[in-house]
Amino acid sequence: TISAIQSGIIFGYVGLIEGMVARIQQELGEKAKVVATGGWAELIAREAPVIDVVNLNLALIGLRLIYLMNKAD
């Protein structure tokens, strides 16, 4: 069914994120702060305990900072 496919997609991404975070933190040797951003961030963060912060506008904030830095030149 459609809902089963949607559920599989979400939990697939959750597993992907948890696996990536575990590997990165293992390589770093310490816990890293994990920030979720983008359209599915809130939905995935509810299911992925490895996510510490959700910031839906992080990309836009970064673009604004780049603009302001270039404008100052």
PDB file of N, CA and C in Angstrom:
ATOM      1  N   THR A   1       0.839  -1.191   0.000  1.00  0.00           N
ATOM      2  CA  THR A   1       0.000   0.000   0.000  1.00  0.00           C
ATOM      3  C   THR A   1       0.879   1.247   0.000  1.00  0.00           C
ATOM      4  N   ILE A   2       0.251   2.355  -0.281  1.00  0.00           N
ATOM      5  CA  ILE A   2       0.993   3.625  -0.321  1.00  0.00           C
ATOM      6  C   ILE A   2       1.584   3.953   1.045  1.00  0.00           C
ATOM      7  N   SER A   3       0.802   3.764   2.109  1.00  0.00           N
ATOM      8  CA  SER A   3       1.317   4.097   3.444  1.00  0.00           C
ATOM      9  C   SER A   3       2.485   3.191   3.842  1.00  0.00           C
ATOM     10  N   ALA A   4       2.475   1.945   3.410  1.00  0.00           N
ATOM     11  CA  ALA A   4       3.596   1.046   3.702  1.00  0.00           C
ATOM     12  C   ALA A   4       4.856   1.500   2.974  1.00  0.00           C
ATOM     13  N   ILE A   5       4.703   1.939   1.740  1.00  0.00           N
ATOM     14  CA  ILE A   5       5.846   2.445   0.972  1.00  0.00           C
ATOM     15  C   ILE A   5       6.395   3.710   1.621  1.00  0.00           C
ATOM     16  N   GLN A   6       5.500   4.623   2.010  1.00  0.00           N
ATOM     17  CA  GLN A   6       5.929   5.864   2.658  1.00  0.00           C
ATOM     18  C   GLN A   6       6.650   5.571   3.972  1.00  0.00           C
ATOM     19  N   SER A   7       6.114   4.643   4.741  1.00  0.00           N
ATOM     20  CA  SER A   7       6.747   4.258   6.002  1.00  0.00           C
ATOM     21  C   SER A   7       8.130   3.671   5.752  1.00  0.00           C
ATOM     22  N   GLY A   8       8.239   2.834   4.733  1.00  0.00           N
ATOM     23  CA  GLY A   8       9.530   2.247   4.389  1.00  0.00           C
ATOM     24  C   GLY A   8      10.551   3.291   3.987  1.00  0.00           C
ATOM     25  N   ILE A   9      10.104   4.300   3.268  1.00  0.00           N
ATOM     26  CA  ILE A   9      11.009   5.384   2.861  1.00  0.00           C
ATOM     27  C   ILE A   9      11.519   6.130   4.087  1.00  0.00           C
ATOM     28  N   ILE A  10      10.612   6.510   4.985  1.00  0.00           N
ATOM     29  CA  ILE A  10      11.009   7.262   6.179  1.00  0.00           C
ATOM     30  C   ILE A  10      11.969   6.442   7.035  1.00  0.00           C
ATOM     31  N   PHE A  11      11.598   5.198   7.329  1.00  0.00           N
ATOM     32  CA  PHE A  11      12.456   4.388   8.193  1.00  0.00           C
ATOM     33  C   PHE A  11      13.756   3.997   7.495  1.00  0.00           C
ATOM     34  N   GLY A  12      13.741   3.943   6.184  1.00  0.00           N
ATOM     35  CA  GLY A  12      14.979   3.729   5.441  1.00  0.00           C
ATOM     36  C   GLY A  12      15.936   4.891   5.620  1.00  0.00           C
ATOM     37  N   TYR A  13      15.403   6.116   5.528  1.00  0.00           N
ATOM     38  CA  TYR A  13      16.239   7.299   5.740  1.00  0.00           C
ATOM     39  C   TYR A  13      16.722   7.384   7.181  1.00  0.00           C
ATOM     40  N   VAL A  14      15.856   7.026   8.126  1.00  0.00           N
ATOM     41  CA  VAL A  14      16.264   7.029   9.534  1.00  0.00           C
ATOM     42  C   VAL A  14      17.446   6.083   9.733  1.00  0.00           C
ATOM     43  N   GLY A  15      17.356   4.881   9.183  1.00  0.00           N
ATOM     44  CA  GLY A  15      18.458   3.923   9.293  1.00  0.00           C
ATOM     45  C   GLY A  15      19.729   4.435   8.638  1.00  0.00           C
ATOM     46  N   LEU A  16      19.579   5.066   7.488  1.00  0.00           N
ATOM     47  CA  LEU A  16      20.722   5.639   6.784  1.00  0.00           C
ATOM     48  C   LEU A  16      21.403   6.704   7.635  1.00  0.00           C
ATOM     49  N   ILE A  17      20.611   7.595   8.196  1.00  0.00           N
ATOM     50  CA  ILE A  17      21.151   8.687   9.006  1.00  0.00           C
ATOM     51  C   ILE A  17      21.829   8.143  10.258  1.00  0.00           C
ATOM     52  N   GLU A  18      21.160   7.213  10.938  1.00  0.00           N
ATOM     53  CA  GLU A  18      21.753   6.648  12.152  1.00  0.00           C
ATOM     54  C   GLU A  18      23.070   5.937  11.849  1.00  0.00           C
ATOM     55  N   GLY A  19      23.134   5.222  10.739  1.00  0.00           N
ATOM     56  CA  GLY A  19      24.368   4.550  10.357  1.00  0.00           C
ATOM     57  C   GLY A  19      25.483   5.526  10.029  1.00  0.00           C
ATOM     58  N   MET A  20      25.160   6.575   9.285  1.00  0.00           N
ATOM     59  CA  MET A  20      26.171   7.578   8.935  1.00  0.00           C
ATOM     60  C   MET A  20      26.689   8.289  10.177  1.00  0.00           C
ATOM     61  N   VAL A  21      25.781   8.672  11.069  1.00  0.00           N
ATOM     62  CA  VAL A  21      26.187   9.371  12.291  1.00  0.00           C
ATOM     63  C   VAL A  21      27.082   8.473  13.140  1.00  0.00           C
ATOM     64  N   ALA A  22      26.723   7.211  13.273  1.00  0.00           N
ATOM     65  CA  ALA A  22      27.543   6.279  14.062  1.00  0.00           C
ATOM     66  C   ALA A  22      28.950   6.173  13.484  1.00  0.00           C
ATOM     67  N   ARG A  23      29.064   6.066  12.181  1.00  0.00           N
ATOM     68  CA  ARG A  23      30.392   5.949  11.556  1.00  0.00           C
ATOM     69  C   ARG A  23      31.204   7.231  11.703  1.00  0.00           C
ATOM     70  N   ILE A  24      30.558   8.367  11.517  1.00  0.00           N
ATOM     71  CA  ILE A  24      31.267   9.645  11.641  1.00  0.00           C
ATOM     72  C   ILE A  24      31.744   9.847  13.071  1.00  0.00           C
ATOM     73  N   GLN A  25      30.870   9.564  14.042  1.00  0.00           N
ATOM     74  CA  GLN A  25      31.264   9.739  15.436  1.00  0.00           C
ATOM     75  C   GLN A  25      32.361   8.758  15.832  1.00  0.00           C
ATOM     76  N   GLN A  26      32.331   7.562  15.281  1.00  0.00           N
ATOM     77  CA  GLN A  26      33.395   6.591  15.549  1.00  0.00           C
ATOM     78  C   GLN A  26      34.723   7.109  15.001  1.00  0.00           C
ATOM     79  N   GLU A  27      34.684   7.681  13.813  1.00  0.00           N
ATOM     80  CA  GLU A  27      35.908   8.220  13.218  1.00  0.00           C
ATOM     81  C   GLU A  27      36.414   9.430  13.995  1.00  0.00           C
ATOM     82  N   LEU A  28      35.495  10.273  14.462  1.00  0.00           N
ATOM     83  CA  LEU A  28      35.884  11.447  15.235  1.00  0.00           C
ATOM     84  C   LEU A  28      36.383  11.072  16.628  1.00  0.00           C
ATOM     85  N   GLY A  29      35.851   9.983  17.150  1.00  0.00           N
ATOM     86  CA  GLY A  29      36.206   9.580  18.500  1.00  0.00           C
ATOM     87  C   GLY A  29      35.438  10.319  19.570  1.00  0.00           C
ATOM     88  N   GLU A  30      34.399  11.020  19.179  1.00  0.00           N
ATOM     89  CA  GLU A  30      33.556  11.747  20.130  1.00  0.00           C
ATOM     90  C   GLU A  30      32.172  11.963  19.532  1.00  0.00           C
ATOM     91  N   LYS A  31      31.239  12.358  20.386  1.00  0.00           N
ATOM     92  CA  LYS A  31      29.882  12.613  19.929  1.00  0.00           C
ATOM     93  C   LYS A  31      29.839  13.957  19.211  1.00  0.00           C
ATOM     94  N   ALA A  32      29.185  13.983  18.080  1.00  0.00           N
ATOM     95  CA  ALA A  32      29.023  15.224  17.324  1.00  0.00           C
ATOM     96  C   ALA A  32      27.576  15.688  17.430  1.00  0.00           C
ATOM     97  N   LYS A  33      27.369  16.993  17.390  1.00  0.00           N
ATOM     98  CA  LYS A  33      26.006  17.524  17.367  1.00  0.00           C
ATOM     99  C   LYS A  33      25.446  17.301  15.970  1.00  0.00           C
ATOM    100  N   VAL A  34      24.275  16.703  15.891  1.00  0.00           N
ATOM    101  CA  VAL A  34      23.651  16.372  14.611  1.00  0.00           C
ATOM    102  C   VAL A  34      22.490  17.329  14.377  1.00  0.00           C
ATOM    103  N   VAL A  35      22.559  18.071  13.270  1.00  0.00           N
ATOM    104  CA  VAL A  35      21.534  19.047  12.919  1.00  0.00           C
ATOM    105  C   VAL A  35      20.816  18.565  11.669  1.00  0.00           C
ATOM    106  N   ALA A  36      19.501  18.477  11.753  1.00  0.00           N
ATOM    107  CA  ALA A  36      18.687  18.093  10.601  1.00  0.00           C
ATOM    108  C   ALA A  36      18.112  19.349   9.967  1.00  0.00           C
ATOM    109  N   THR A  37      18.128  19.393   8.654  1.00  0.00           N
ATOM    110  CA  THR A  37      17.577  20.528   7.935  1.00  0.00           C
ATOM    111  C   THR A  37      16.899  20.019   6.678  1.00  0.00           C
ATOM    112  N   GLY A  38      16.026  20.813   6.130  1.00  0.00           N
ATOM    113  CA  GLY A  38      15.345  20.412   4.904  1.00  0.00           C
ATOM    114  C   GLY A  38      13.901  20.022   5.140  1.00  0.00           C
ATOM    115  N   GLY A  39      13.254  19.653   4.068  1.00  0.00           N
ATOM    116  CA  GLY A  39      11.817  19.422   4.080  1.00  0.00           C
ATOM    117  C   GLY A  39      11.333  18.290   4.957  1.00  0.00           C
ATOM    118  N   TRP A  40      12.109  17.239   5.105  1.00  0.00           N
ATOM    119  CA  TRP A  40      11.681  16.088   5.905  1.00  0.00           C
ATOM    120  C   TRP A  40      12.318  16.075   7.288  1.00  0.00           C
ATOM    121  N   ALA A  41      13.021  17.129   7.642  1.00  0.00           N
ATOM    122  CA  ALA A  41      13.807  17.134   8.878  1.00  0.00           C
ATOM    123  C   ALA A  41      12.969  16.850  10.115  1.00  0.00           C
ATOM    124  N   GLU A  42      11.849  17.523  10.256  1.00  0.00           N
ATOM    125  CA  GLU A  42      11.028  17.329  11.452  1.00  0.00           C
ATOM    126  C   GLU A  42      10.483  15.909  11.524  1.00  0.00           C
ATOM    127  N   LEU A  43      10.034  15.397  10.401  1.00  0.00           N
ATOM    128  CA  LEU A  43       9.469  14.051  10.351  1.00  0.00           C
ATOM    129  C   LEU A  43      10.519  13.003  10.716  1.00  0.00           C
ATOM    130  N   ILE A  44      11.687  13.121  10.136  1.00  0.00           N
ATOM    131  CA  ILE A  44      12.746  12.146  10.393  1.00  0.00           C
ATOM    132  C   ILE A  44      13.303  12.300  11.806  1.00  0.00           C
ATOM    133  N   ALA A  45      13.411  13.532  12.294  1.00  0.00           N
ATOM    134  CA  ALA A  45      13.946  13.762  13.639  1.00  0.00           C
ATOM    135  C   ALA A  45      13.072  13.119  14.711  1.00  0.00           C
ATOM    136  N   ARG A  46      11.777  13.025  14.460  1.00  0.00           N
ATOM    137  CA  ARG A  46      10.885  12.372  15.432  1.00  0.00           C
ATOM    138  C   ARG A  46      11.214  10.890  15.590  1.00  0.00           C
ATOM    139  N   GLU A  47      11.777  10.297  14.558  1.00  0.00           N
ATOM    140  CA  GLU A  47      12.071   8.860  14.571  1.00  0.00           C
ATOM    141  C   GLU A  47      13.548   8.547  14.767  1.00  0.00           C
ATOM    142  N   ALA A  48      14.408   9.555  14.666  1.00  0.00           N
ATOM    143  CA  ALA A  48      15.860   9.339  14.751  1.00  0.00           C
ATOM    144  C   ALA A  48      16.414  10.023  15.998  1.00  0.00           C
ATOM    145  N   PRO A  49      16.628   9.277  17.070  1.00  0.00           N
ATOM    146  CA  PRO A  49      17.131   9.889  18.302  1.00  0.00           C
ATOM    147  C   PRO A  49      18.539  10.471  18.181  1.00  0.00           C
ATOM    148  N   VAL A  50      19.260  10.149  17.109  1.00  0.00           N
ATOM    149  CA  VAL A  50      20.613  10.702  16.948  1.00  0.00           C
ATOM    150  C   VAL A  50      20.584  12.177  16.560  1.00  0.00           C
ATOM    151  N   ILE A  51      19.439  12.673  16.107  1.00  0.00           N
ATOM    152  CA  ILE A  51      19.330  14.079  15.699  1.00  0.00           C
ATOM    153  C   ILE A  51      19.118  14.935  16.939  1.00  0.00           C
ATOM    154  N   ASP A  52      20.001  15.926  17.113  1.00  0.00           N
ATOM    155  CA  ASP A  52      19.958  16.797  18.285  1.00  0.00           C
ATOM    156  C   ASP A  52      19.139  18.058  18.054  1.00  0.00           C
ATOM    157  N   VAL A  53      19.215  18.615  16.846  1.00  0.00           N
ATOM    158  CA  VAL A  53      18.591  19.902  16.547  1.00  0.00           C
ATOM    159  C   VAL A  53      17.947  19.841  15.171  1.00  0.00           C
ATOM    160  N   VAL A  54      16.796  20.490  15.041  1.00  0.00           N
ATOM    161  CA  VAL A  54      16.163  20.653  13.732  1.00  0.00           C
ATOM    162  C   VAL A  54      16.160  22.141  13.411  1.00  0.00           C
ATOM    163  N   ASN A  55      16.712  22.496  12.263  1.00  0.00           N
ATOM    164  CA  ASN A  55      16.711  23.886  11.803  1.00  0.00           C
ATOM    165  C   ASN A  55      16.317  23.869  10.334  1.00  0.00           C
ATOM    166  N   LEU A  56      15.060  24.200  10.068  1.00  0.00           N
ATOM    167  CA  LEU A  56      14.538  24.109   8.709  1.00  0.00           C
ATOM    168  C   LEU A  56      15.133  25.148   7.770  1.00  0.00           C
ATOM    169  N   ASN A  57      15.693  26.207   8.322  1.00  0.00           N
ATOM    170  CA  ASN A  57      16.187  27.308   7.492  1.00  0.00           C
ATOM    171  C   ASN A  57      17.706  27.393   7.431  1.00  0.00           C
ATOM    172  N   LEU A  58      18.392  26.343   7.794  1.00  0.00           N
ATOM    173  CA  LEU A  58      19.855  26.397   7.870  1.00  0.00           C
ATOM    174  C   LEU A  58      20.493  26.757   6.531  1.00  0.00           C
ATOM    175  N   ALA A  59      20.011  26.191   5.443  1.00  0.00           N
ATOM    176  CA  ALA A  59      20.584  26.497   4.123  1.00  0.00           C
ATOM    177  C   ALA A  59      20.365  27.966   3.776  1.00  0.00           C
ATOM    178  N   LEU A  60      19.182  28.481   4.064  1.00  0.00           N
ATOM    179  CA  LEU A  60      18.906  29.892   3.770  1.00  0.00           C
ATOM    180  C   LEU A  60      19.749  30.815   4.640  1.00  0.00           C
ATOM    181  N   ILE A  61      19.947  30.444   5.883  1.00  0.00           N
ATOM    182  CA  ILE A  61      20.798  31.240   6.770  1.00  0.00           C
ATOM    183  C   ILE A  61      22.226  31.270   6.228  1.00  0.00           C
ATOM    184  N   GLY A  62      22.721  30.132   5.780  1.00  0.00           N
ATOM    185  CA  GLY A  62      24.060  30.067   5.196  1.00  0.00           C
ATOM    186  C   GLY A  62      24.186  30.912   3.944  1.00  0.00           C
ATOM    187  N   LEU A  63      23.184  30.845   3.075  1.00  0.00           N
ATOM    188  CA  LEU A  63      23.205  31.666   1.858  1.00  0.00           C
ATOM    189  C   LEU A  63      23.192  33.152   2.196  1.00  0.00           C
ATOM    190  N   ARG A  64      22.432  33.536   3.212  1.00  0.00           N
ATOM    191  CA  ARG A  64      22.396  34.941   3.637  1.00  0.00           C
ATOM    192  C   ARG A  64      23.765  35.383   4.140  1.00  0.00           C
ATOM    193  N   LEU A  65      24.417  34.529   4.935  1.00  0.00           N
ATOM    194  CA  LEU A  65      25.748  34.872   5.437  1.00  0.00           C
ATOM    195  C   LEU A  65      26.752  35.033   4.300  1.00  0.00           C
ATOM    196  N   ILE A  66      26.692  34.148   3.321  1.00  0.00           N
ATOM    197  CA  ILE A  66      27.581  34.257   2.160  1.00  0.00           C
ATOM    198  C   ILE A  66      27.317  35.555   1.413  1.00  0.00           C
ATOM    199  N   TYR A  67      26.044  35.887   1.230  1.00  0.00           N
ATOM    200  CA  TYR A  67      25.683  37.138   0.554  1.00  0.00           C
ATOM    201  C   TYR A  67      26.248  38.335   1.312  1.00  0.00           C
ATOM    202  N   LEU A  68      26.057  38.354   2.624  1.00  0.00           N
ATOM    203  CA  LEU A  68      26.530  39.486   3.419  1.00  0.00           C
ATOM    204  C   LEU A  68      28.052  39.597   3.387  1.00  0.00           C
ATOM    205  N   MET A  69      28.747  38.465   3.398  1.00  0.00           N
ATOM    206  CA  MET A  69      30.211  38.492   3.333  1.00  0.00           C
ATOM    207  C   MET A  69      30.682  39.029   1.984  1.00  0.00           C
ATOM    208  N   ASN A  70      30.027  38.629   0.910  1.00  0.00           N
ATOM    209  CA  ASN A  70      30.418  39.090  -0.423  1.00  0.00           C
ATOM    210  C   ASN A  70      30.019  40.538  -0.659  1.00  0.00           C
ATOM    211  N   LYS A  71      28.933  40.957  -0.072  1.00  0.00           N
ATOM    212  CA  LYS A  71      28.457  42.330  -0.214  1.00  0.00           C
ATOM    213  C   LYS A  71      29.426  43.306   0.448  1.00  0.00           C
ATOM    214  N   ALA A  72      30.063  42.884   1.538  1.00  0.00           N
ATOM    215  CA  ALA A  72      30.988  43.744   2.275  1.00  0.00           C
ATOM    216  C   ALA A  72      32.250  44.043   1.480  1.00  0.00           C
ATOM    217  N   ASP A  73      32.600  43.175   0.519  1.00  0.00           N
ATOM    218  CA  ASP A  73      33.824  43.370  -0.277  1.00  0.00           C
ATOM    219  C   ASP A  73      33.654  44.444  -1.249  1.00  0.00           C
TER     220      ASP A  73
END
